[in-house]
Protein backbone atom coordinates (compact mmCIF):
# COMPACT_ATOMS: atom_id res chain seq x y z
CA GLY A 1 -9.32 2.26 35.58
CA ILE A 2 -11.90 -0.07 34.19
CA SER A 3 -11.22 -2.39 31.27
CA MET A 4 -13.37 -2.23 28.16
CA VAL A 5 -16.01 -4.91 27.89
CA HIS A 6 -16.99 -6.43 24.55
CA CYS A 7 -20.75 -6.35 24.02
CA PRO A 8 -22.08 -8.19 20.95
CA LEU A 9 -25.18 -5.94 21.01
CA PHE A 10 -23.25 -2.70 20.31
CA HIS A 11 -22.56 -2.04 16.63
CA SER A 12 -20.38 0.49 14.85
CA HIS A 13 -20.07 1.50 11.21
CA LEU A 14 -16.51 0.15 11.45
CA GLU A 15 -17.79 -3.45 11.33
CA ASN A 16 -19.67 -5.24 8.55
CA LEU A 17 -23.25 -4.42 9.53
CA GLN A 18 -24.69 -6.66 6.84
CA LEU A 19 -23.84 -9.64 9.05
CA ILE A 20 -26.52 -8.64 11.60
CA SER A 21 -29.63 -10.74 11.05
CA GLN A 22 -33.01 -9.06 10.74
CA ARG A 23 -34.51 -11.20 13.51
CA SER A 24 -31.82 -10.03 15.96
CA ILE A 25 -32.50 -6.32 15.38
CA PRO A 26 -35.04 -5.90 18.21
CA HIS A 27 -32.39 -7.17 20.66
CA GLN A 28 -29.57 -4.80 19.62
CA VAL A 29 -28.43 -1.99 21.91
CA THR A 30 -27.07 0.25 19.14
CA LEU A 31 -26.91 0.26 15.36
CA SER A 32 -24.93 2.51 13.09
CA TYR A 33 -24.29 3.21 9.42
CA GLY A 34 -21.64 4.88 7.34
CA MET A 35 -19.03 4.22 4.70
CA LEU A 36 -16.74 1.19 4.86
CA ASP A 37 -14.26 0.42 2.08
CA ASP A 38 -15.93 3.15 -0.06
CA LYS A 39 -19.35 1.43 0.16
CA MET A 40 -22.44 2.24 2.20
CA ASN A 41 -22.34 0.06 5.30
CA SER A 42 -25.78 -0.44 6.82
CA ILE A 43 -27.84 -3.35 8.03
CA LYS A 44 -29.72 -5.46 5.52
CA VAL A 45 -33.34 -5.31 6.53
CA LYS A 46 -36.51 -5.78 4.51
CA GLY A 47 -39.34 -3.36 5.07
CA SER A 48 -41.57 -0.75 3.52
CA PHE A 49 -38.77 1.66 2.56
CA SER A 50 -36.29 1.00 -0.24
CA GLU A 51 -32.55 1.46 0.29
CA GLU A 52 -32.80 4.58 -1.89
CA GLU A 53 -35.55 6.05 0.34
CA ASP A 54 -33.84 4.97 3.55
CA PRO A 55 -30.08 4.50 3.04
CA SER A 56 -29.37 4.37 6.78
CA ARG A 57 -32.21 1.81 7.23
CA PHE A 58 -33.17 3.65 10.44
CA ARG A 59 -36.72 4.46 9.27
CA THR A 60 -37.18 0.83 8.28
CA VAL A 61 -35.95 -0.40 11.68
CA HIS A 62 -38.16 2.14 13.45
CA CYS A 63 -41.24 0.87 11.60
CA LEU A 64 -40.35 -2.75 12.38
CA LEU A 65 -40.12 -1.89 16.07
CA TYR A 66 -43.01 0.63 16.16
CA PRO A 67 -45.37 -0.24 13.29
CA LEU A 68 -48.18 2.00 14.57
CA THR A 69 -46.13 5.18 14.04
CA SER A 70 -48.18 7.54 11.85
CA TRP A 71 -45.56 7.80 9.08
CA CYS A 72 -44.94 4.05 8.84
CA PRO A 73 -46.61 2.49 5.78
């Protein structure tokens, strides 16, 4: 078999996603979100959508990466 390889660009909801810096987001392979210790665990990223509008932060990340998308403010 093949051993698992640690990749610092792969992120799971089982880690503290708030430690990922906003400037590193374009370089990440995967991002996730979910509950951790009974709290929402998602990346901290500033953008056009509030955390209430976008609890997963995926719309916010999408608009940072693809700002010309029609539904991005």
